[in-house]
Amino acid sequence: MKKTVITVVGQDTVGIIAGVCTYLADNKVNILNISQTIVDGYFNMMMITDTNNSLQPFDVLAEGLEKVGLEIGVVIKMQHEDIFKSMHRV
């Protein structure tokens, strides 16, 4: 399994989850876990995904998500799970 961590942050608006999930489904990326919250009008979502079945390499998926973010007005970042864990180790 090739796990990745995806974060989505920005002003809340209609269609954020739909835009991100549609892109992931179109690229055969499976969502394993998802958490989202809205605080004072700001949207924040974190997803754990499995990219094992995707035909796209990691960098293409990450760039595509960034483009989706630009289109819907949020910032989307994708990281390999092991890098995310290393960066956030206490």
PDB file of N, CA and C in Angstrom:
ATOM      1  N   MET A   1       0.850  -1.180   0.000  1.00  0.00           N
ATOM      2  CA  MET A   1       0.000   0.000   0.000  1.00  0.00           C
ATOM      3  C   MET A   1       0.895   1.242   0.000  1.00  0.00           C
ATOM      4  N   LYS A   2       0.577   2.189  -0.861  1.00  0.00           N
ATOM      5  CA  LYS A   2       1.315   3.446  -0.939  1.00  0.00           C
ATOM      6  C   LYS A   2       0.449   4.543  -0.334  1.00  0.00           C
ATOM      7  N   LYS A   3       0.661   4.812   0.959  1.00  0.00           N
ATOM      8  CA  LYS A   3      -0.158   5.808   1.648  1.00  0.00           C
ATOM      9  C   LYS A   3       0.392   7.214   1.454  1.00  0.00           C
ATOM     10  N   THR A   4      -0.545   8.149   1.306  1.00  0.00           N
ATOM     11  CA  THR A   4      -0.196   9.562   1.240  1.00  0.00           C
ATOM     12  C   THR A   4      -1.096  10.339   2.181  1.00  0.00           C
ATOM     13  N   VAL A   5      -0.629  11.524   2.563  1.00  0.00           N
ATOM     14  CA  VAL A   5      -1.405  12.441   3.393  1.00  0.00           C
ATOM     15  C   VAL A   5      -1.707  13.663   2.534  1.00  0.00           C
ATOM     16  N   ILE A   6      -2.991  14.011   2.452  1.00  0.00           N
ATOM     17  CA  ILE A   6      -3.427  15.170   1.679  1.00  0.00           C
ATOM     18  C   ILE A   6      -4.062  16.163   2.635  1.00  0.00           C
ATOM     19  N   THR A   7      -3.629  17.427   2.558  1.00  0.00           N
ATOM     20  CA  THR A   7      -4.239  18.479   3.364  1.00  0.00           C
ATOM     21  C   THR A   7      -4.869  19.511   2.437  1.00  0.00           C
ATOM     22  N   VAL A   8      -6.015  20.015   2.867  1.00  0.00           N
ATOM     23  CA  VAL A   8      -6.756  21.017   2.103  1.00  0.00           C
ATOM     24  C   VAL A   8      -7.137  22.129   3.071  1.00  0.00           C
ATOM     25  N   VAL A   9      -6.734  23.359   2.763  1.00  0.00           N
ATOM     26  CA  VAL A   9      -6.995  24.493   3.653  1.00  0.00           C
ATOM     27  C   VAL A   9      -7.438  25.688   2.822  1.00  0.00           C
ATOM     28  N   GLY A  10      -8.451  26.406   3.319  1.00  0.00           N
ATOM     29  CA  GLY A  10      -8.881  27.625   2.637  1.00  0.00           C
ATOM     30  C   GLY A  10     -10.215  28.116   3.139  1.00  0.00           C
ATOM     31  N   GLN A  11     -10.681  29.167   2.514  1.00  0.00           N
ATOM     32  CA  GLN A  11     -11.983  29.735   2.838  1.00  0.00           C
ATOM     33  C   GLN A  11     -13.052  28.704   2.470  1.00  0.00           C
ATOM     34  N   ASP A  12     -14.020  28.490   3.347  1.00  0.00           N
ATOM     35  CA  ASP A  12     -15.054  27.505   3.082  1.00  0.00           C
ATOM     36  C   ASP A  12     -15.941  27.951   1.925  1.00  0.00           C
ATOM     37  N   THR A  13     -16.242  27.016   1.062  1.00  0.00           N
ATOM     38  CA  THR A  13     -17.145  27.262  -0.055  1.00  0.00           C
ATOM     39  C   THR A  13     -17.753  25.941  -0.505  1.00  0.00           C
ATOM     40  N   VAL A  14     -18.811  26.008  -1.251  1.00  0.00           N
ATOM     41  CA  VAL A  14     -19.476  24.813  -1.760  1.00  0.00           C
ATOM     42  C   VAL A  14     -18.573  24.110  -2.778  1.00  0.00           C
ATOM     43  N   GLY A  15     -18.462  22.793  -2.661  1.00  0.00           N
ATOM     44  CA  GLY A  15     -17.785  22.001  -3.679  1.00  0.00           C
ATOM     45  C   GLY A  15     -16.359  21.611  -3.402  1.00  0.00           C
ATOM     46  N   ILE A  16     -15.810  21.979  -2.260  1.00  0.00           N
ATOM     47  CA  ILE A  16     -14.411  21.633  -1.985  1.00  0.00           C
ATOM     48  C   ILE A  16     -14.232  20.120  -1.927  1.00  0.00           C
ATOM     49  N   ILE A  17     -15.011  19.464  -1.094  1.00  0.00           N
ATOM     50  CA  ILE A  17     -14.868  18.007  -0.945  1.00  0.00           C
ATOM     51  C   ILE A  17     -15.166  17.319  -2.267  1.00  0.00           C
ATOM     52  N   ALA A  18     -16.187  17.767  -2.959  1.00  0.00           N
ATOM     53  CA  ALA A  18     -16.549  17.162  -4.246  1.00  0.00           C
ATOM     54  C   ALA A  18     -15.407  17.291  -5.249  1.00  0.00           C
ATOM     55  N   GLY A  19     -14.776  18.450  -5.321  1.00  0.00           N
ATOM     56  CA  GLY A  19     -13.686  18.667  -6.268  1.00  0.00           C
ATOM     57  C   GLY A  19     -12.493  17.777  -5.987  1.00  0.00           C
ATOM     58  N   VAL A  20     -12.126  17.689  -4.723  1.00  0.00           N
ATOM     59  CA  VAL A  20     -10.970  16.867  -4.344  1.00  0.00           C
ATOM     60  C   VAL A  20     -11.276  15.384  -4.563  1.00  0.00           C
ATOM     61  N   CYS A  21     -12.434  14.940  -4.086  1.00  0.00           N
ATOM     62  CA  CYS A  21     -12.785  13.518  -4.195  1.00  0.00           C
ATOM     63  C   CYS A  21     -12.984  13.080  -5.641  1.00  0.00           C
ATOM     64  N   THR A  22     -13.524  13.947  -6.481  1.00  0.00           N
ATOM     65  CA  THR A  22     -13.685  13.617  -7.893  1.00  0.00           C
ATOM     66  C   THR A  22     -12.325  13.411  -8.549  1.00  0.00           C
ATOM     67  N   TYR A  23     -11.385  14.316  -8.262  1.00  0.00           N
ATOM     68  CA  TYR A  23     -10.029  14.171  -8.817  1.00  0.00           C
ATOM     69  C   TYR A  23      -9.405  12.852  -8.370  1.00  0.00           C
ATOM     70  N   LEU A  24      -9.531  12.541  -7.087  1.00  0.00           N
ATOM     71  CA  LEU A  24      -8.946  11.309  -6.574  1.00  0.00           C
ATOM     72  C   LEU A  24      -9.594  10.084  -7.213  1.00  0.00           C
ATOM     73  N   ALA A  25     -10.913  10.064  -7.320  1.00  0.00           N
ATOM     74  CA  ALA A  25     -11.609   8.926  -7.923  1.00  0.00           C
ATOM     75  C   ALA A  25     -11.219   8.765  -9.388  1.00  0.00           C
ATOM     76  N   ASP A  26     -11.132   9.867 -10.112  1.00  0.00           N
ATOM     77  CA  ASP A  26     -10.745   9.806 -11.530  1.00  0.00           C
ATOM     78  C   ASP A  26      -9.350   9.221 -11.717  1.00  0.00           C
ATOM     79  N   ASN A  27      -8.511   9.358 -10.677  1.00  0.00           N
ATOM     80  CA  ASN A  27      -7.129   8.858 -10.748  1.00  0.00           C
ATOM     81  C   ASN A  27      -6.917   7.578  -9.943  1.00  0.00           C
ATOM     82  N   LYS A  28      -8.013   6.929  -9.586  1.00  0.00           N
ATOM     83  CA  LYS A  28      -7.984   5.639  -8.878  1.00  0.00           C
ATOM     84  C   LYS A  28      -7.221   5.688  -7.551  1.00  0.00           C
ATOM     85  N   VAL A  29      -7.390   6.797  -6.845  1.00  0.00           N
ATOM     86  CA  VAL A  29      -6.801   6.952  -5.515  1.00  0.00           C
ATOM     87  C   VAL A  29      -7.897   6.652  -4.494  1.00  0.00           C
ATOM     88  N   ASN A  30      -7.632   5.703  -3.603  1.00  0.00           N
ATOM     89  CA  ASN A  30      -8.613   5.290  -2.600  1.00  0.00           C
ATOM     90  C   ASN A  30      -8.460   6.123  -1.329  1.00  0.00           C
ATOM     91  N   ILE A  31      -9.558   6.657  -0.821  1.00  0.00           N
ATOM     92  CA  ILE A  31      -9.553   7.409   0.433  1.00  0.00           C
ATOM     93  C   ILE A  31      -9.715   6.411   1.573  1.00  0.00           C
ATOM     94  N   LEU A  32      -8.727   6.352   2.457  1.00  0.00           N
ATOM     95  CA  LEU A  32      -8.757   5.442   3.591  1.00  0.00           C
ATOM     96  C   LEU A  32      -9.361   6.090   4.827  1.00  0.00           C
ATOM     97  N   ASN A  33      -9.108   7.389   4.990  1.00  0.00           N
ATOM     98  CA  ASN A  33      -9.594   8.115   6.160  1.00  0.00           C
ATOM     99  C   ASN A  33      -9.718   9.579   5.793  1.00  0.00           C
ATOM    100  N   ILE A  34     -10.725  10.222   6.337  1.00  0.00           N
ATOM    101  CA  ILE A  34     -10.930  11.632   6.028  1.00  0.00           C
ATOM    102  C   ILE A  34     -11.463  12.341   7.274  1.00  0.00           C
ATOM    103  N   SER A  35     -10.926  13.528   7.498  1.00  0.00           N
ATOM    104  CA  SER A  35     -11.373  14.364   8.609  1.00  0.00           C
ATOM    105  C   SER A  35     -11.456  15.793   8.096  1.00  0.00           C
ATOM    106  N   GLN A  36     -12.564  16.455   8.373  1.00  0.00           N
ATOM    107  CA  GLN A  36     -12.688  17.843   7.942  1.00  0.00           C
ATOM    108  C   GLN A  36     -13.407  18.648   9.011  1.00  0.00           C
ATOM    109  N   THR A  37     -13.045  19.906   9.066  1.00  0.00           N
ATOM    110  CA  THR A  37     -13.678  20.812  10.016  1.00  0.00           C
ATOM    111  C   THR A  37     -13.743  22.204   9.406  1.00  0.00           C
ATOM    112  N   ILE A  38     -14.671  22.988   9.903  1.00  0.00           N
ATOM    113  CA  ILE A  38     -14.781  24.383   9.491  1.00  0.00           C
ATOM    114  C   ILE A  38     -14.744  25.217  10.770  1.00  0.00           C
ATOM    115  N   VAL A  39     -13.799  26.128  10.835  1.00  0.00           N
ATOM    116  CA  VAL A  39     -13.648  26.993  11.993  1.00  0.00           C
ATOM    117  C   VAL A  39     -13.727  28.438  11.526  1.00  0.00           C
ATOM    118  N   ASP A  40     -14.738  29.141  11.965  1.00  0.00           N
ATOM    119  CA  ASP A  40     -14.923  30.558  11.646  1.00  0.00           C
ATOM    120  C   ASP A  40     -14.797  30.828  10.142  1.00  0.00           C
ATOM    121  N   GLY A  41     -15.399  29.948   9.346  1.00  0.00           N
ATOM    122  CA  GLY A  41     -15.400  30.133   7.899  1.00  0.00           C
ATOM    123  C   GLY A  41     -14.198  29.576   7.160  1.00  0.00           C
ATOM    124  N   TYR A  42     -13.256  28.986   7.890  1.00  0.00           N
ATOM    125  CA  TYR A  42     -12.071  28.396   7.256  1.00  0.00           C
ATOM    126  C   TYR A  42     -12.202  26.877   7.226  1.00  0.00           C
ATOM    127  N   PHE A  43     -12.008  26.317   6.044  1.00  0.00           N
ATOM    128  CA  PHE A  43     -12.138  24.893   5.804  1.00  0.00           C
ATOM    129  C   PHE A  43     -10.776  24.226   5.982  1.00  0.00           C
ATOM    130  N   ASN A  44     -10.766  23.091   6.668  1.00  0.00           N
ATOM    131  CA  ASN A  44      -9.534  22.331   6.873  1.00  0.00           C
ATOM    132  C   ASN A  44      -9.871  20.850   6.742  1.00  0.00           C
ATOM    133  N   MET A  45      -9.176  20.153   5.847  1.00  0.00           N
ATOM    134  CA  MET A  45      -9.424  18.728   5.651  1.00  0.00           C
ATOM    135  C   MET A  45      -8.090  17.995   5.573  1.00  0.00           C
ATOM    136  N   MET A  46      -8.080  16.801   6.151  1.00  0.00           N
ATOM    137  CA  MET A  46      -6.916  15.931   6.076  1.00  0.00           C
ATOM    138  C   MET A  46      -7.399  14.557   5.629  1.00  0.00           C
ATOM    139  N   MET A  47      -6.699  13.999   4.665  1.00  0.00           N
ATOM    140  CA  MET A  47      -7.067  12.685   4.139  1.00  0.00           C
ATOM    141  C   MET A  47      -5.856  11.765   4.147  1.00  0.00           C
ATOM    142  N   ILE A  48      -6.103  10.502   4.440  1.00  0.00           N
ATOM    143  CA  ILE A  48      -5.096   9.462   4.252  1.00  0.00           C
ATOM    144  C   ILE A  48      -5.585   8.664   3.043  1.00  0.00           C
ATOM    145  N   THR A  49      -4.730   8.525   2.055  1.00  0.00           N
ATOM    146  CA  THR A  49      -5.136   7.845   0.831  1.00  0.00           C
ATOM    147  C   THR A  49      -4.150   6.747   0.459  1.00  0.00           C
ATOM    148  N   ASP A  50      -4.622   5.869  -0.418  1.00  0.00           N
ATOM    149  CA  ASP A  50      -3.790   4.801  -0.968  1.00  0.00           C
ATOM    150  C   ASP A  50      -3.698   5.021  -2.474  1.00  0.00           C
ATOM    151  N   THR A  51      -2.495   5.276  -2.974  1.00  0.00           N
ATOM    152  CA  THR A  51      -2.293   5.545  -4.397  1.00  0.00           C
ATOM    153  C   THR A  51      -1.816   4.309  -5.169  1.00  0.00           C
ATOM    154  N   ASN A  52      -1.867   3.162  -4.536  1.00  0.00           N
ATOM    155  CA  ASN A  52      -1.333   1.938  -5.133  1.00  0.00           C
ATOM    156  C   ASN A  52      -1.945   1.604  -6.496  1.00  0.00           C
ATOM    157  N   ASN A  53      -3.233   1.871  -6.695  1.00  0.00           N
ATOM    158  CA  ASN A  53      -3.906   1.509  -7.951  1.00  0.00           C
ATOM    159  C   ASN A  53      -3.890   2.622  -8.999  1.00  0.00           C
ATOM    160  N   SER A  54      -3.339   3.764  -8.637  1.00  0.00           N
ATOM    161  CA  SER A  54      -3.304   4.876  -9.586  1.00  0.00           C
ATOM    162  C   SER A  54      -2.265   4.620 -10.667  1.00  0.00           C
ATOM    163  N   LEU A  55      -2.602   5.013 -11.883  1.00  0.00           N
ATOM    164  CA  LEU A  55      -1.664   4.882 -12.988  1.00  0.00           C
ATOM    165  C   LEU A  55      -0.708   6.070 -13.058  1.00  0.00           C
ATOM    166  N   GLN A  56      -0.999   7.112 -12.271  1.00  0.00           N
ATOM    167  CA  GLN A  56      -0.184   8.329 -12.277  1.00  0.00           C
ATOM    168  C   GLN A  56       0.915   8.242 -11.217  1.00  0.00           C
ATOM    169  N   PRO A  57       2.110   8.745 -11.517  1.00  0.00           N
ATOM    170  CA  PRO A  57       3.149   8.815 -10.484  1.00  0.00           C
ATOM    171  C   PRO A  57       2.791   9.882  -9.439  1.00  0.00           C
ATOM    172  N   PHE A  58       3.411   9.774  -8.284  1.00  0.00           N
ATOM    173  CA  PHE A  58       3.117  10.666  -7.161  1.00  0.00           C
ATOM    174  C   PHE A  58       3.179  12.140  -7.559  1.00  0.00           C
ATOM    175  N   ASP A  59       4.241  12.555  -8.245  1.00  0.00           N
ATOM    176  CA  ASP A  59       4.401  13.973  -8.562  1.00  0.00           C
ATOM    177  C   ASP A  59       3.299  14.500  -9.477  1.00  0.00           C
ATOM    178  N   VAL A  60       2.804  13.673 -10.377  1.00  0.00           N
ATOM    179  CA  VAL A  60       1.707  14.082 -11.260  1.00  0.00           C
ATOM    180  C   VAL A  60       0.416  14.244 -10.444  1.00  0.00           C
ATOM    181  N   LEU A  61       0.160  13.314  -9.532  1.00  0.00           N
ATOM    182  CA  LEU A  61      -1.014  13.423  -8.663  1.00  0.00           C
ATOM    183  C   LEU A  61      -0.951  14.682  -7.807  1.00  0.00           C
ATOM    184  N   ALA A  62       0.206  14.939  -7.217  1.00  0.00           N
ATOM    185  CA  ALA A  62       0.373  16.106  -6.349  1.00  0.00           C
ATOM    186  C   ALA A  62       0.166  17.409  -7.121  1.00  0.00           C
ATOM    187  N   GLU A  63       0.744  17.495  -8.324  1.00  0.00           N
ATOM    188  CA  GLU A  63       0.572  18.696  -9.149  1.00  0.00           C
ATOM    189  C   GLU A  63      -0.880  18.869  -9.569  1.00  0.00           C
ATOM    190  N   GLY A  64      -1.538  17.765  -9.897  1.00  0.00           N
ATOM    191  CA  GLY A  64      -2.946  17.823 -10.270  1.00  0.00           C
ATOM    192  C   GLY A  64      -3.816  18.321  -9.134  1.00  0.00           C
ATOM    193  N   LEU A  65      -3.520  17.865  -7.914  1.00  0.00           N
ATOM    194  CA  LEU A  65      -4.273  18.334  -6.750  1.00  0.00           C
ATOM    195  C   LEU A  65      -4.048  19.817  -6.505  1.00  0.00           C
ATOM    196  N   GLU A  66      -2.814  20.278  -6.693  1.00  0.00           N
ATOM    197  CA  GLU A  66      -2.551  21.706  -6.529  1.00  0.00           C
ATOM    198  C   GLU A  66      -3.362  22.524  -7.527  1.00  0.00           C
ATOM    199  N   LYS A  67      -3.490  22.031  -8.753  1.00  0.00           N
ATOM    200  CA  LYS A  67      -4.289  22.717  -9.775  1.00  0.00           C
ATOM    201  C   LYS A  67      -5.770  22.732  -9.395  1.00  0.00           C
ATOM    202  N   VAL A  68      -6.260  21.605  -8.884  1.00  0.00           N
ATOM    203  CA  VAL A  68      -7.648  21.555  -8.408  1.00  0.00           C
ATOM    204  C   VAL A  68      -7.846  22.607  -7.319  1.00  0.00           C
ATOM    205  N   GLY A  69      -6.886  22.703  -6.415  1.00  0.00           N
ATOM    206  CA  GLY A  69      -6.958  23.695  -5.344  1.00  0.00           C
ATOM    207  C   GLY A  69      -7.051  25.112  -5.875  1.00  0.00           C
ATOM    208  N   LEU A  70      -6.247  25.424  -6.878  1.00  0.00           N
ATOM    209  CA  LEU A  70      -6.297  26.757  -7.482  1.00  0.00           C
ATOM    210  C   LEU A  70      -7.671  27.034  -8.090  1.00  0.00           C
ATOM    211  N   GLU A  71      -8.236  26.025  -8.728  1.00  0.00           N
ATOM    212  CA  GLU A  71      -9.547  26.180  -9.355  1.00  0.00           C
ATOM    213  C   GLU A  71     -10.659  26.425  -8.341  1.00  0.00           C
ATOM    214  N   ILE A  72     -10.557  25.795  -7.162  1.00  0.00           N
ATOM    215  CA  ILE A  72     -11.641  25.927  -6.177  1.00  0.00           C
ATOM    216  C   ILE A  72     -11.283  26.871  -5.028  1.00  0.00           C
ATOM    217  N   GLY A  73     -10.104  27.469  -5.075  1.00  0.00           N
ATOM    218  CA  GLY A  73      -9.745  28.498  -4.101  1.00  0.00           C
ATOM    219  C   GLY A  73      -9.217  28.009  -2.773  1.00  0.00           C
ATOM    220  N   VAL A  74      -8.548  26.858  -2.772  1.00  0.00           N
ATOM    221  CA  VAL A  74      -7.936  26.333  -1.552  1.00  0.00           C
ATOM    222  C   VAL A  74      -6.505  25.902  -1.844  1.00  0.00           C
ATOM    223  N   VAL A  75      -5.749  25.628  -0.805  1.00  0.00           N
ATOM    224  CA  VAL A  75      -4.382  25.122  -0.953  1.00  0.00           C
ATOM    225  C   VAL A  75      -4.411  23.628  -0.636  1.00  0.00           C
ATOM    226  N   ILE A  76      -3.944  22.831  -1.589  1.00  0.00           N
ATOM    227  CA  ILE A  76      -3.913  21.375  -1.419  1.00  0.00           C
ATOM    228  C   ILE A  76      -2.474  20.904  -1.513  1.00  0.00           C
ATOM    229  N   LYS A  77      -2.058  20.145  -0.514  1.00  0.00           N
ATOM    230  CA  LYS A  77      -0.713  19.563  -0.486  1.00  0.00           C
ATOM    231  C   LYS A  77      -0.819  18.053  -0.305  1.00  0.00           C
ATOM    232  N   MET A  78       0.056  17.338  -0.983  1.00  0.00           N
ATOM    233  CA  MET A  78       0.093  15.879  -0.882  1.00  0.00           C
ATOM    234  C   MET A  78       1.512  15.466  -0.517  1.00  0.00           C
ATOM    235  N   GLN A  79       1.639  14.570   0.477  1.00  0.00           N
ATOM    236  CA  GLN A  79       2.950  14.098   0.918  1.00  0.00           C
ATOM    237  C   GLN A  79       2.910  12.589   1.082  1.00  0.00           C
ATOM    238  N   HIS A  80       4.056  11.945   0.861  1.00  0.00           N
ATOM    239  CA  HIS A  80       4.171  10.532   1.200  1.00  0.00           C
ATOM    240  C   HIS A  80       3.981  10.400   2.704  1.00  0.00           C
ATOM    241  N   GLU A  81       3.338   9.339   3.146  1.00  0.00           N
ATOM    242  CA  GLU A  81       3.072   9.148   4.568  1.00  0.00           C
ATOM    243  C   GLU A  81       4.349   9.145   5.403  1.00  0.00           C
ATOM    244  N   ASP A  82       5.405   8.487   4.938  1.00  0.00           N
ATOM    245  CA  ASP A  82       6.630   8.401   5.731  1.00  0.00           C
ATOM    246  C   ASP A  82       7.284   9.770   5.914  1.00  0.00           C
ATOM    247  N   ILE A  83       7.212  10.625   4.904  1.00  0.00           N
ATOM    248  CA  ILE A  83       7.765  11.975   5.034  1.00  0.00           C
ATOM    249  C   ILE A  83       6.923  12.787   6.013  1.00  0.00           C
ATOM    250  N   PHE A  84       5.602  12.659   5.910  1.00  0.00           N
ATOM    251  CA  PHE A  84       4.716  13.369   6.836  1.00  0.00           C
ATOM    252  C   PHE A  84       5.009  12.958   8.276  1.00  0.00           C
ATOM    253  N   LYS A  85       5.152  11.664   8.514  1.00  0.00           N
ATOM    254  CA  LYS A  85       5.444  11.174   9.860  1.00  0.00           C
ATOM    255  C   LYS A  85       6.772  11.708  10.366  1.00  0.00           C
ATOM    256  N   SER A  86       7.786  11.724   9.515  1.00  0.00           N
ATOM    257  CA  SER A  86       9.102  12.227   9.914  1.00  0.00           C
ATOM    258  C   SER A  86       9.055  13.711  10.278  1.00  0.00           C
ATOM    259  N   MET A  87       8.287  14.477   9.520  1.00  0.00           N
ATOM    260  CA  MET A  87       8.194  15.926   9.752  1.00  0.00           C
ATOM    261  C   MET A  87       7.421  16.254  11.021  1.00  0.00           C
ATOM    262  N   HIS A  88       6.512  15.370  11.441  1.00  0.00           N
ATOM    263  CA  HIS A  88       5.642  15.681  12.565  1.00  0.00           C
ATOM    264  C   HIS A  88       5.919  14.810  13.789  1.00  0.00           C
ATOM    265  N   ARG A  89       7.114  14.232  13.831  1.00  0.00           N
ATOM    266  CA  ARG A  89       7.504  13.427  14.986  1.00  0.00           C
ATOM    267  C   ARG A  89       7.877  14.356  16.126  1.00  0.00           C
ATOM    268  N   VAL A  90       7.424  14.029  17.318  1.00  0.00           N
ATOM    269  CA  VAL A  90       7.697  14.846  18.500  1.00  0.00           C
ATOM    270  C   VAL A  90       8.891  14.297  19.236  1.00  0.00           C
TER     271      VAL A  90
END
